[in-house]
Amino acid sequence: AAAKKATEYGAKVALFDYVKPSTQNTKWGLGGTCVNVGCVPKKLYHYAANINSLIHNEAKDYGFEINENINHNWETLMNNIKTHIRKLNFSYKSGLKSSNVKYINAYAKFKNINEVEYTHKNENKTLTAKHFIIAVGGRPYIPDDIPGAKQYAITSDDIFFQNKPPGKTLCVGASYISLECAGFLTHLGLDTTVSMRTIALRGFDRQCADKVVNLMKETGTKFKEQLIPSSIIKTDTGKLLVTFINTKNNMIDHTEEYDTVLYATGRYPQTKNIGLENIGIDILSNGKIKCNNEQTNIENIYAIGDILDNCPELTPVAIKAGEL
């Protein structure tokens, strides 16, 4: 959005975009989190889940004679959603081309305040510019101190493109991302459990948060409260054996097997390894950037989106900020 708006004012613009594969080797195209592994696929899975819920819970009351053995095919849904997202990727790329934005599918790092370096088609290159916008967004966090977590768990970067149904699933964390995923998995007919350290939807209105949890419990999602994984082991049958500890006393509580473990315990900004230390950008301990109206402490360098300190992590906010 920022790149296209800049060309409207006559600027010569290049846009770098490169997705590092997830811990489970999932990767995607142009368009950022929302388009590829966020709002768009999430809503489509929710639509499918809502259809399933309507068929099984309400259709008969409206006079529909529902036959038995109504099955949902995860692979069909996943492939159709993937195709839809690829169309969006193509339209974004076409939009950049028609706006005369030079799109470079490479990972850029700052060399100094006017240069970035990158590798493209096996060549090491540099690009010089008068102004820069950092809009690298965030990625899901998987803790390093839980044995087996990074090796076997998936995140919201992976769930939408699983080649087979996730089966019995444990969603670790009680953030809105965890609850959203647990919600559509439950309503697609999958055995789904949420593991939460303390309370759900921290930072949200408590009355609303409690109502969400109660409604999810009533419609089939299970909750393990004050219970979190301490380790994940893959068994000989391919199942994931999760050991839970009680957060009140830090003692092992029990073990349980799952087909899929999904971590949704927060996201971290992708501000490491892009050369910010080479140019003296002010970065907080959480990886976010302090800005004044999207301008960093370096006059010609701006930042937008989820990487900003004290800014709503919302796509429309980032788009508007970029255009401004």
C-alpha atoms as a PDB file:
ATOM      1  CA  ALA A   1       0.000   0.000   0.000  1.00  0.00           C
ATOM      2  CA  ALA A   2       2.826   2.401   0.907  1.00  0.00           C
ATOM      3  CA  ALA A   3       4.818   1.503  -2.210  1.00  0.00           C
ATOM      4  CA  LYS A   4       1.889   2.087  -4.556  1.00  0.00           C
ATOM      5  CA  LYS A   5       0.937   5.366  -2.867  1.00  0.00           C
ATOM      6  CA  ALA A   6       4.552   6.598  -3.153  1.00  0.00           C
ATOM      7  CA  THR A   7       4.631   6.011  -6.909  1.00  0.00           C
ATOM      8  CA  GLU A   8       1.459   8.121  -7.246  1.00  0.00           C
ATOM      9  CA  TYR A   9       3.570  11.056  -6.060  1.00  0.00           C
ATOM     10  CA  GLY A  10       6.292  10.302  -8.593  1.00  0.00           C
ATOM     11  CA  ALA A  11       8.733   8.425  -6.358  1.00  0.00           C
ATOM     12  CA  LYS A  12      10.900   5.635  -7.750  1.00  0.00           C
ATOM     13  CA  VAL A  13      10.090   2.689  -5.472  1.00  0.00           C
ATOM     14  CA  ALA A  14      11.470  -0.792  -4.811  1.00  0.00           C
ATOM     15  CA  LEU A  15       9.766  -3.304  -2.530  1.00  0.00           C
ATOM     16  CA  PHE A  16      11.594  -6.221  -0.899  1.00  0.00           C
ATOM     17  CA  ASP A  17       9.543  -9.199   0.250  1.00  0.00           C
ATOM     18  CA  TYR A  18      10.860 -12.580   1.332  1.00  0.00           C
ATOM     19  CA  VAL A  19       9.200 -15.133   3.623  1.00  0.00           C
ATOM     20  CA  LYS A  20      11.506 -17.307   5.676  1.00  0.00           C
ATOM     21  CA  PRO A  21       9.910 -20.782   6.016  1.00  0.00           C
ATOM     22  CA  SER A  22       8.235 -21.585   9.352  1.00  0.00           C
ATOM     23  CA  THR A  23       9.643 -24.167  11.768  1.00  0.00           C
ATOM     24  CA  GLN A  24       7.529 -26.716   9.883  1.00  0.00           C
ATOM     25  CA  ASN A  25       8.731 -25.386   6.495  1.00  0.00           C
ATOM     26  CA  THR A  26       5.532 -23.568   5.509  1.00  0.00           C
ATOM     27  CA  LYS A  27       6.040 -20.617   3.173  1.00  0.00           C
ATOM     28  CA  TRP A  28       3.788 -18.305   1.185  1.00  0.00           C
ATOM     29  CA  GLY A  29       3.639 -15.461  -1.299  1.00  0.00           C
ATOM     30  CA  LEU A  30       3.341 -11.686  -1.470  1.00  0.00           C
ATOM     31  CA  GLY A  31       0.789  -9.923   0.729  1.00  0.00           C
ATOM     32  CA  GLY A  32       1.895 -10.354   4.326  1.00  0.00           C
ATOM     33  CA  THR A  33       0.400 -12.183   7.291  1.00  0.00           C
ATOM     34  CA  CYS A  34      -3.221 -11.094   6.906  1.00  0.00           C
ATOM     35  CA  VAL A  35      -3.585 -12.304   3.329  1.00  0.00           C
ATOM     36  CA  ASN A  36      -1.605 -15.519   3.620  1.00  0.00           C
ATOM     37  CA  VAL A  37      -1.700 -16.852   7.185  1.00  0.00           C
ATOM     38  CA  GLY A  38      -4.078 -14.518   9.017  1.00  0.00           C
ATOM     39  CA  CYS A  39      -7.410 -12.817   8.444  1.00  0.00           C
ATOM     40  CA  VAL A  40      -8.220 -14.197   4.985  1.00  0.00           C
ATOM     41  CA  PRO A  41      -7.731 -17.972   5.507  1.00  0.00           C
ATOM     42  CA  LYS A  42      -9.011 -17.683   9.084  1.00  0.00           C
ATOM     43  CA  LYS A  43     -12.321 -16.183   7.942  1.00  0.00           C
ATOM     44  CA  LEU A  44     -12.731 -18.812   5.228  1.00  0.00           C
ATOM     45  CA  TYR A  45     -12.176 -21.635   7.734  1.00  0.00           C
ATOM     46  CA  HIS A  46     -14.678 -19.937  10.047  1.00  0.00           C
ATOM     47  CA  TYR A  47     -17.226 -19.759   7.213  1.00  0.00           C
ATOM     48  CA  ALA A  48     -16.771 -23.504   6.631  1.00  0.00           C
ATOM     49  CA  ALA A  49     -17.077 -24.195  10.364  1.00  0.00           C
ATOM     50  CA  ASN A  50     -20.257 -22.108  10.538  1.00  0.00           C
ATOM     51  CA  ILE A  51     -21.797 -24.056   7.649  1.00  0.00           C
ATOM     52  CA  ASN A  52     -21.012 -27.324   9.452  1.00  0.00           C
ATOM     53  CA  SER A  53     -22.549 -25.998  12.663  1.00  0.00           C
ATOM     54  CA  LEU A  54     -25.710 -24.822  10.877  1.00  0.00           C
ATOM     55  CA  ILE A  55     -26.163 -28.183   9.148  1.00  0.00           C
ATOM     56  CA  HIS A  56     -25.801 -30.240  12.320  1.00  0.00           C
ATOM     57  CA  ASN A  57     -27.406 -27.947  14.878  1.00  0.00           C
ATOM     58  CA  GLU A  58     -30.054 -25.805  13.217  1.00  0.00           C
ATOM     59  CA  ALA A  59     -30.996 -27.021   9.739  1.00  0.00           C
ATOM     60  CA  LYS A  60     -33.587 -29.556  10.962  1.00  0.00           C
ATOM     61  CA  ASP A  61     -35.441 -26.876  12.917  1.00  0.00           C
ATOM     62  CA  TYR A  62     -35.853 -24.947   9.657  1.00  0.00           C
ATOM     63  CA  GLY A  63     -37.397 -27.921   7.877  1.00  0.00           C
ATOM     64  CA  PHE A  64     -34.326 -29.372   6.198  1.00  0.00           C
ATOM     65  CA  GLU A  65     -34.242 -33.163   6.140  1.00  0.00           C
ATOM     66  CA  ILE A  66     -30.587 -33.933   6.754  1.00  0.00           C
ATOM     67  CA  ASN A  67     -29.356 -37.363   5.753  1.00  0.00           C
ATOM     68  CA  GLU A  68     -26.769 -39.167   7.843  1.00  0.00           C
ATOM     69  CA  ASN A  69     -23.067 -39.351   7.009  1.00  0.00           C
ATOM     70  CA  ILE A  70     -22.502 -35.725   6.086  1.00  0.00           C
ATOM     71  CA  ASN A  71     -18.720 -35.607   5.928  1.00  0.00           C
ATOM     72  CA  HIS A  72     -16.353 -32.677   5.626  1.00  0.00           C
ATOM     73  CA  ASN A  73     -13.296 -32.983   3.395  1.00  0.00           C
ATOM     74  CA  TRP A  74     -10.451 -30.947   4.902  1.00  0.00           C
ATOM     75  CA  GLU A  75      -8.226 -31.386   1.841  1.00  0.00           C
ATOM     76  CA  THR A  76     -10.855 -29.879  -0.498  1.00  0.00           C
ATOM     77  CA  LEU A  77     -11.339 -26.855   1.758  1.00  0.00           C
ATOM     78  CA  MET A  78      -7.587 -26.362   2.243  1.00  0.00           C
ATOM     79  CA  ASN A  79      -6.803 -26.589  -1.481  1.00  0.00           C
ATOM     80  CA  ASN A  80      -9.607 -24.186  -2.406  1.00  0.00           C
ATOM     81  CA  ILE A  81      -8.425 -21.657   0.180  1.00  0.00           C
ATOM     82  CA  LYS A  82      -4.825 -22.064  -0.995  1.00  0.00           C
ATOM     83  CA  THR A  83      -5.935 -21.413  -4.591  1.00  0.00           C
ATOM     84  CA  HIS A  84      -7.830 -18.287  -3.487  1.00  0.00           C
ATOM     85  CA  ILE A  85      -4.751 -16.964  -1.666  1.00  0.00           C
ATOM     86  CA  ARG A  86      -2.526 -17.630  -4.679  1.00  0.00           C
ATOM     87  CA  LYS A  87      -4.917 -15.511  -6.761  1.00  0.00           C
ATOM     88  CA  LEU A  88      -4.500 -12.725  -4.212  1.00  0.00           C
ATOM     89  CA  ASN A  89      -0.697 -13.114  -4.331  1.00  0.00           C
ATOM     90  CA  PHE A  90      -0.852 -12.763  -8.117  1.00  0.00           C
ATOM     91  CA  SER A  91      -3.113  -9.704  -7.944  1.00  0.00           C
ATOM     92  CA  TYR A  92      -0.734  -8.023  -5.475  1.00  0.00           C
ATOM     93  CA  LYS A  93       2.213  -8.695  -7.752  1.00  0.00           C
ATOM     94  CA  SER A  94       0.264  -7.399 -10.761  1.00  0.00           C
ATOM     95  CA  GLY A  95      -0.763  -4.310  -8.781  1.00  0.00           C
ATOM     96  CA  LEU A  96       2.853  -3.506  -7.973  1.00  0.00           C
ATOM     97  CA  LYS A  97       3.825  -3.932 -11.620  1.00  0.00           C
ATOM     98  CA  SER A  98       1.041  -1.671 -12.891  1.00  0.00           C
ATOM     99  CA  SER A  99       2.083   0.936 -10.295  1.00  0.00           C
ATOM    100  CA  ASN A 100       5.692   0.747 -11.523  1.00  0.00           C
ATOM    101  CA  VAL A 101       6.969  -0.570  -8.197  1.00  0.00           C
ATOM    102  CA  LYS A 102      10.086  -2.724  -8.594  1.00  0.00           C
ATOM    103  CA  TYR A 103       9.308  -5.943  -6.694  1.00  0.00           C
ATOM    104  CA  ILE A 104      12.363  -7.875  -5.447  1.00  0.00           C
ATOM    105  CA  ASN A 105      11.778 -11.292  -3.887  1.00  0.00           C
ATOM    106  CA  ALA A 106      14.825 -11.141  -1.599  1.00  0.00           C
ATOM    107  CA  TYR A 107      15.801 -10.622   2.048  1.00  0.00           C
ATOM    108  CA  ALA A 108      17.238  -7.118   2.466  1.00  0.00           C
ATOM    109  CA  LYS A 109      19.487  -5.884   5.295  1.00  0.00           C
ATOM    110  CA  PHE A 110      20.604  -2.347   6.075  1.00  0.00           C
ATOM    111  CA  LYS A 111      24.249  -1.643   5.247  1.00  0.00           C
ATOM    112  CA  ASN A 112      23.970   2.039   6.237  1.00  0.00           C
ATOM    113  CA  ILE A 113      21.197   4.649   6.381  1.00  0.00           C
ATOM    114  CA  ASN A 114      21.056   4.903   2.576  1.00  0.00           C
ATOM    115  CA  GLU A 115      21.900   1.369   1.451  1.00  0.00           C
ATOM    116  CA  VAL A 116      20.539  -2.146   1.809  1.00  0.00           C
ATOM    117  CA  GLU A 117      22.287  -5.330   0.730  1.00  0.00           C
ATOM    118  CA  TYR A 118      20.627  -8.512  -0.529  1.00  0.00           C
ATOM    119  CA  THR A 119      21.162 -11.675  -2.542  1.00  0.00           C
ATOM    120  CA  HIS A 120      19.043 -12.178  -5.658  1.00  0.00           C
ATOM    121  CA  LYS A 121      19.488 -14.959  -8.212  1.00  0.00           C
ATOM    122  CA  ASN A 122      22.767 -15.948  -6.527  1.00  0.00           C
ATOM    123  CA  GLU A 123      24.200 -12.444  -6.876  1.00  0.00           C
ATOM    124  CA  ASN A 124      25.128 -10.196  -3.955  1.00  0.00           C
ATOM    125  CA  LYS A 125      23.721  -6.735  -4.594  1.00  0.00           C
ATOM    126  CA  THR A 126      23.149  -3.362  -2.940  1.00  0.00           C
ATOM    127  CA  LEU A 127      20.372  -0.826  -3.432  1.00  0.00           C
ATOM    128  CA  THR A 128      20.580   2.875  -2.588  1.00  0.00           C
ATOM    129  CA  ALA A 129      17.555   4.973  -1.617  1.00  0.00           C
ATOM    130  CA  LYS A 130      16.731   8.337  -0.108  1.00  0.00           C
ATOM    131  CA  HIS A 131      13.945   7.025   2.135  1.00  0.00           C
ATOM    132  CA  PHE A 132      13.118   3.623   3.657  1.00  0.00           C
ATOM    133  CA  ILE A 133       9.989   2.117   5.213  1.00  0.00           C
ATOM    134  CA  ILE A 134      10.438  -0.911   7.467  1.00  0.00           C
ATOM    135  CA  ALA A 135       7.260  -3.039   7.397  1.00  0.00           C
ATOM    136  CA  VAL A 136       8.462  -6.530   8.273  1.00  0.00           C
ATOM    137  CA  GLY A 137       5.585  -7.534  10.588  1.00  0.00           C
ATOM    138  CA  GLY A 138       5.699 -10.355  13.122  1.00  0.00           C
ATOM    139  CA  ARG A 139       5.803 -14.144  13.372  1.00  0.00           C
ATOM    140  CA  PRO A 140       4.452 -16.605  15.973  1.00  0.00           C
ATOM    141  CA  TYR A 141       6.568 -17.391  19.008  1.00  0.00           C
ATOM    142  CA  ILE A 142       7.432 -20.975  20.050  1.00  0.00           C
ATOM    143  CA  PRO A 143       9.364 -21.242  23.341  1.00  0.00           C
ATOM    144  CA  ASP A 144      12.896 -22.667  23.251  1.00  0.00           C
ATOM    145  CA  ASP A 145      12.660 -24.168  26.744  1.00  0.00           C
ATOM    146  CA  ILE A 146       9.882 -26.706  26.027  1.00  0.00           C
ATOM    147  CA  PRO A 147      11.513 -29.911  24.710  1.00  0.00           C
ATOM    148  CA  GLY A 148       9.884 -30.972  21.437  1.00  0.00           C
ATOM    149  CA  ALA A 149       7.904 -27.742  20.920  1.00  0.00           C
ATOM    150  CA  LYS A 150       9.897 -26.316  18.016  1.00  0.00           C
ATOM    151  CA  GLN A 151      10.429 -29.760  16.567  1.00  0.00           C
ATOM    152  CA  TYR A 152       6.831 -30.996  16.562  1.00  0.00           C
ATOM    153  CA  ALA A 153       4.421 -28.095  17.148  1.00  0.00           C
ATOM    154  CA  ILE A 154       2.841 -25.981  14.423  1.00  0.00           C
ATOM    155  CA  THR A 155       1.649 -22.354  14.607  1.00  0.00           C
ATOM    156  CA  SER A 156      -0.868 -20.145  12.812  1.00  0.00           C
ATOM    157  CA  ASP A 157       1.777 -20.004  10.041  1.00  0.00           C
ATOM    158  CA  ASP A 158       1.054 -23.701   9.391  1.00  0.00           C
ATOM    159  CA  ILE A 159      -2.501 -24.629  10.434  1.00  0.00           C
ATOM    160  CA  PHE A 160      -4.242 -23.332   7.297  1.00  0.00           C
ATOM    161  CA  PHE A 161      -2.123 -25.423   4.921  1.00  0.00           C
ATOM    162  CA  GLN A 162      -2.068 -28.819   6.654  1.00  0.00           C
ATOM    163  CA  ASN A 163      -2.338 -31.533   4.002  1.00  0.00           C
ATOM    164  CA  LYS A 164      -4.582 -33.643   6.210  1.00  0.00           C
ATOM    165  CA  PRO A 165      -7.080 -32.853   9.000  1.00  0.00           C
ATOM    166  CA  PRO A 166      -5.225 -31.900  12.200  1.00  0.00           C
ATOM    167  CA  GLY A 167      -7.261 -34.463  14.159  1.00  0.00           C
ATOM    168  CA  LYS A 168      -7.244 -34.209  17.944  1.00  0.00           C
ATOM    169  CA  THR A 169      -5.638 -30.806  18.492  1.00  0.00           C
ATOM    170  CA  LEU A 170      -4.142 -28.955  21.446  1.00  0.00           C
ATOM    171  CA  CYS A 171      -4.039 -25.152  21.093  1.00  0.00           C
ATOM    172  CA  VAL A 172      -1.437 -23.801  23.510  1.00  0.00           C
ATOM    173  CA  GLY A 173      -2.220 -20.298  24.715  1.00  0.00           C
ATOM    174  CA  ALA A 174      -5.432 -18.362  25.256  1.00  0.00           C
ATOM    175  CA  SER A 175      -4.789 -15.433  22.916  1.00  0.00           C
ATOM    176  CA  TYR A 176      -7.400 -14.462  20.346  1.00  0.00           C
ATOM    177  CA  ILE A 177      -5.400 -16.345  17.683  1.00  0.00           C
ATOM    178  CA  SER A 178      -5.482 -19.538  19.753  1.00  0.00           C
ATOM    179  CA  LEU A 179      -9.203 -19.187  20.474  1.00  0.00           C
ATOM    180  CA  GLU A 180     -10.005 -18.404  16.830  1.00  0.00           C
ATOM    181  CA  CYS A 181      -8.178 -21.538  15.667  1.00  0.00           C
ATOM    182  CA  ALA A 182      -9.757 -23.667  18.408  1.00  0.00           C
ATOM    183  CA  GLY A 183     -13.172 -22.302  17.453  1.00  0.00           C
ATOM    184  CA  PHE A 184     -13.116 -23.246  13.789  1.00  0.00           C
ATOM    185  CA  LEU A 185     -11.463 -26.617  14.494  1.00  0.00           C
ATOM    186  CA  THR A 186     -14.199 -27.488  17.009  1.00  0.00           C
ATOM    187  CA  HIS A 187     -16.981 -26.524  14.606  1.00  0.00           C
ATOM    188  CA  LEU A 188     -15.394 -28.540  11.818  1.00  0.00           C
ATOM    189  CA  GLY A 189     -15.938 -31.536  14.114  1.00  0.00           C
ATOM    190  CA  LEU A 190     -12.419 -31.948  15.516  1.00  0.00           C
ATOM    191  CA  ASP A 191     -11.598 -32.784  19.139  1.00  0.00           C
ATOM    192  CA  THR A 192     -10.014 -29.504  20.291  1.00  0.00           C
ATOM    193  CA  THR A 193      -8.510 -28.405  23.611  1.00  0.00           C
ATOM    194  CA  VAL A 194      -7.113 -25.035  24.719  1.00  0.00           C
ATOM    195  CA  SER A 195      -4.257 -25.035  27.236  1.00  0.00           C
ATOM    196  CA  MET A 196      -4.024 -21.760  29.157  1.00  0.00           C
ATOM    197  CA  ARG A 197      -1.556 -20.518  31.758  1.00  0.00           C
ATOM    198  CA  THR A 198      -3.903 -18.130  33.604  1.00  0.00           C
ATOM    199  CA  ILE A 199      -6.751 -16.242  31.921  1.00  0.00           C
ATOM    200  CA  ALA A 200      -8.062 -16.095  28.373  1.00  0.00           C
ATOM    201  CA  LEU A 201      -7.781 -12.958  26.224  1.00  0.00           C
ATOM    202  CA  ARG A 202      -5.521 -11.001  28.546  1.00  0.00           C
ATOM    203  CA  GLY A 203      -5.968  -7.268  27.951  1.00  0.00           C
ATOM    204  CA  PHE A 204      -9.518  -7.652  26.629  1.00  0.00           C
ATOM    205  CA  ASP A 205     -12.671  -6.670  28.499  1.00  0.00           C
ATOM    206  CA  ARG A 206     -13.051  -9.371  31.172  1.00  0.00           C
ATOM    207  CA  GLN A 207     -16.818  -9.741  30.876  1.00  0.00           C
ATOM    208  CA  CYS A 208     -16.538 -10.239  27.113  1.00  0.00           C
ATOM    209  CA  ALA A 209     -13.561 -12.586  27.482  1.00  0.00           C
ATOM    210  CA  ASP A 210     -15.381 -14.768  30.028  1.00  0.00           C
ATOM    211  CA  LYS A 211     -18.449 -14.904  27.783  1.00  0.00           C
ATOM    212  CA  VAL A 212     -16.334 -16.042  24.828  1.00  0.00           C
ATOM    213  CA  VAL A 213     -14.773 -18.848  26.890  1.00  0.00           C
ATOM    214  CA  ASN A 214     -18.133 -19.971  28.293  1.00  0.00           C
ATOM    215  CA  LEU A 215     -19.708 -20.060  24.826  1.00  0.00           C
ATOM    216  CA  MET A 216     -16.736 -22.040  23.490  1.00  0.00           C
ATOM    217  CA  LYS A 217     -17.093 -24.549  26.319  1.00  0.00           C
ATOM    218  CA  GLU A 218     -20.827 -24.898  25.638  1.00  0.00           C
ATOM    219  CA  THR A 219     -20.179 -25.587  21.950  1.00  0.00           C
ATOM    220  CA  GLY A 220     -17.548 -28.273  22.543  1.00  0.00           C
ATOM    221  CA  THR A 221     -14.099 -26.737  22.957  1.00  0.00           C
ATOM    222  CA  LYS A 222     -12.278 -28.151  25.993  1.00  0.00           C
ATOM    223  CA  PHE A 223     -10.108 -26.009  28.275  1.00  0.00           C
ATOM    224  CA  LYS A 224      -7.168 -27.013  30.447  1.00  0.00           C
ATOM    225  CA  GLU A 225      -6.883 -24.125  32.906  1.00  0.00           C
ATOM    226  CA  GLN A 226      -3.591 -23.430  34.708  1.00  0.00           C
ATOM    227  CA  LEU A 227      -2.102 -26.308  32.712  1.00  0.00           C
ATOM    228  CA  ILE A 228       0.617 -25.864  30.093  1.00  0.00           C
ATOM    229  CA  PRO A 229       2.960 -28.260  28.246  1.00  0.00           C
ATOM    230  CA  SER A 230       6.371 -28.980  29.758  1.00  0.00           C
ATOM    231  CA  SER A 231       7.450 -31.344  26.958  1.00  0.00           C
ATOM    232  CA  ILE A 232       6.248 -32.906  23.701  1.00  0.00           C
ATOM    233  CA  ILE A 233       7.373 -36.351  22.574  1.00  0.00           C
ATOM    234  CA  LYS A 234       6.538 -38.087  19.282  1.00  0.00           C
ATOM    235  CA  THR A 235       5.457 -41.679  19.917  1.00  0.00           C
ATOM    236  CA  ASP A 236       6.032 -44.711  17.722  1.00  0.00           C
ATOM    237  CA  THR A 237       2.468 -44.332  16.396  1.00  0.00           C
ATOM    238  CA  GLY A 238       3.111 -40.743  15.289  1.00  0.00           C
ATOM    239  CA  LYS A 239       1.008 -39.214  18.075  1.00  0.00           C
ATOM    240  CA  LEU A 240       2.334 -36.319  20.162  1.00  0.00           C
ATOM    241  CA  LEU A 241       2.535 -37.136  23.872  1.00  0.00           C
ATOM    242  CA  VAL A 242       2.207 -33.896  25.844  1.00  0.00           C
ATOM    243  CA  THR A 243       3.235 -33.662  29.504  1.00  0.00           C
ATOM    244  CA  PHE A 244       1.327 -30.929  31.361  1.00  0.00           C
ATOM    245  CA  ILE A 245       2.486 -29.004  34.403  1.00  0.00           C
ATOM    246  CA  ASN A 246       0.260 -27.084  36.802  1.00  0.00           C
ATOM    247  CA  THR A 247       1.192 -23.391  36.726  1.00  0.00           C
ATOM    248  CA  LYS A 248       0.149 -22.968  40.365  1.00  0.00           C
ATOM    249  CA  ASN A 249       2.734 -25.370  41.807  1.00  0.00           C
ATOM    250  CA  ASN A 250       4.938 -26.097  38.757  1.00  0.00           C
ATOM    251  CA  MET A 251       4.365 -29.837  39.280  1.00  0.00           C
ATOM    252  CA  ILE A 252       3.656 -32.425  36.562  1.00  0.00           C
ATOM    253  CA  ASP A 253      -0.099 -32.968  36.361  1.00  0.00           C
ATOM    254  CA  HIS A 254      -0.723 -35.559  33.634  1.00  0.00           C
ATOM    255  CA  THR A 255       0.091 -36.614  30.053  1.00  0.00           C
ATOM    256  CA  GLU A 256      -2.177 -36.838  27.018  1.00  0.00           C
ATOM    257  CA  GLU A 257      -1.778 -37.744  23.338  1.00  0.00           C
ATOM    258  CA  TYR A 258      -2.703 -35.441  20.449  1.00  0.00           C
ATOM    259  CA  ASP A 259      -2.447 -35.548  16.672  1.00  0.00           C
ATOM    260  CA  THR A 260      -1.499 -31.858  16.449  1.00  0.00           C
ATOM    261  CA  VAL A 261      -0.129 -29.279  18.879  1.00  0.00           C
ATOM    262  CA  LEU A 262      -0.577 -25.645  17.823  1.00  0.00           C
ATOM    263  CA  TYR A 263       1.341 -22.911  19.659  1.00  0.00           C
ATOM    264  CA  ALA A 264      -0.322 -19.485  19.849  1.00  0.00           C
ATOM    265  CA  THR A 265       1.499 -17.910  22.772  1.00  0.00           C
ATOM    266  CA  GLY A 266       2.246 -14.576  21.156  1.00  0.00           C
ATOM    267  CA  ARG A 267       4.100 -13.057  18.224  1.00  0.00           C
ATOM    268  CA  TYR A 268       7.422 -11.288  17.950  1.00  0.00           C
ATOM    269  CA  PRO A 269       8.491  -8.534  15.499  1.00  0.00           C
ATOM    270  CA  GLN A 270      10.853  -9.528  12.683  1.00  0.00           C
ATOM    271  CA  THR A 271      13.328  -6.741  13.442  1.00  0.00           C
ATOM    272  CA  LYS A 272      16.335  -8.995  14.063  1.00  0.00           C
ATOM    273  CA  ASN A 273      18.812  -9.790  11.288  1.00  0.00           C
ATOM    274  CA  ILE A 274      17.830  -6.880   9.042  1.00  0.00           C
ATOM    275  CA  GLY A 275      20.838  -4.734   9.936  1.00  0.00           C
ATOM    276  CA  LEU A 276      19.141  -2.269  12.262  1.00  0.00           C
ATOM    277  CA  GLU A 277      22.200  -2.406  14.518  1.00  0.00           C
ATOM    278  CA  ASN A 278      24.226  -1.037  11.597  1.00  0.00           C
ATOM    279  CA  ILE A 279      22.209   2.174  11.465  1.00  0.00           C
ATOM    280  CA  GLY A 280      21.423   2.873  15.128  1.00  0.00           C
ATOM    281  CA  ILE A 281      17.632   2.436  15.076  1.00  0.00           C
ATOM    282  CA  ASP A 282      16.086   2.583  18.582  1.00  0.00           C
ATOM    283  CA  ILE A 283      14.771  -0.924  19.325  1.00  0.00           C
ATOM    284  CA  LEU A 284      13.053  -1.910  22.575  1.00  0.00           C
ATOM    285  CA  SER A 285      13.805  -5.151  24.447  1.00  0.00           C
ATOM    286  CA  ASN A 286      10.675  -6.738  22.892  1.00  0.00           C
ATOM    287  CA  GLY A 287      12.030  -6.059  19.393  1.00  0.00           C
ATOM    288  CA  LYS A 288       9.606  -3.237  18.628  1.00  0.00           C
ATOM    289  CA  ILE A 289      10.647   0.139  17.246  1.00  0.00           C
ATOM    290  CA  LYS A 290       9.945   3.486  18.914  1.00  0.00           C
ATOM    291  CA  CYS A 291       8.625   6.019  16.402  1.00  0.00           C
ATOM    292  CA  ASN A 292       7.185   9.500  16.208  1.00  0.00           C
ATOM    293  CA  ASN A 293       4.345   9.391  13.675  1.00  0.00           C
ATOM    294  CA  GLU A 294       5.974   6.366  11.996  1.00  0.00           C
ATOM    295  CA  GLN A 295       9.357   8.165  11.771  1.00  0.00           C
ATOM    296  CA  THR A 296      12.215   6.403  13.551  1.00  0.00           C
ATOM    297  CA  ASN A 297      15.099   8.178  15.278  1.00  0.00           C
ATOM    298  CA  ILE A 298      16.830   8.107  11.873  1.00  0.00           C
ATOM    299  CA  GLU A 299      15.260  10.929   9.860  1.00  0.00           C
ATOM    300  CA  ASN A 300      14.950   9.161   6.495  1.00  0.00           C
ATOM    301  CA  ILE A 301      13.763   5.801   7.879  1.00  0.00           C
ATOM    302  CA  TYR A 302      10.144   5.041   8.786  1.00  0.00           C
ATOM    303  CA  ALA A 303       8.388   2.008  10.262  1.00  0.00           C
ATOM    304  CA  ILE A 304       4.770   0.814  10.044  1.00  0.00           C
ATOM    305  CA  GLY A 305       2.626  -2.066  11.240  1.00  0.00           C
ATOM    306  CA  ASP A 306       3.044  -4.618  14.025  1.00  0.00           C
ATOM    307  CA  ILE A 307       6.692  -3.709  14.625  1.00  0.00           C
ATOM    308  CA  LEU A 308       5.744  -0.305  16.096  1.00  0.00           C
ATOM    309  CA  ASP A 309       5.671   0.200  19.842  1.00  0.00           C
ATOM    310  CA  ASN A 310       2.280   1.145  21.294  1.00  0.00           C
ATOM    311  CA  CYS A 311       0.430   0.740  17.993  1.00  0.00           C
ATOM    312  CA  PRO A 312      -2.629  -1.467  17.275  1.00  0.00           C
ATOM    313  CA  GLU A 313      -1.553  -4.669  15.510  1.00  0.00           C
ATOM    314  CA  LEU A 314      -4.169  -4.396  12.777  1.00  0.00           C
ATOM    315  CA  THR A 315      -3.759  -4.573   9.009  1.00  0.00           C
ATOM    316  CA  PRO A 316      -6.040  -1.576   8.179  1.00  0.00           C
ATOM    317  CA  VAL A 317      -4.006   0.538  10.631  1.00  0.00           C
ATOM    318  CA  ALA A 318      -0.750  -0.483   8.925  1.00  0.00           C
ATOM    319  CA  ILE A 319      -2.181   0.182   5.439  1.00  0.00           C
ATOM    320  CA  LYS A 320      -3.407   3.656   6.416  1.00  0.00           C
ATOM    321  CA  ALA A 321      -0.122   4.480   8.153  1.00  0.00           C
ATOM    322  CA  GLY A 322       1.809   3.393   5.056  1.00  0.00           C
ATOM    323  CA  GLU A 323      -0.321   5.533   2.772  1.00  0.00           C
ATOM    324  CA  LEU A 324       0.000   8.574   5.061  1.00  0.00           C
END
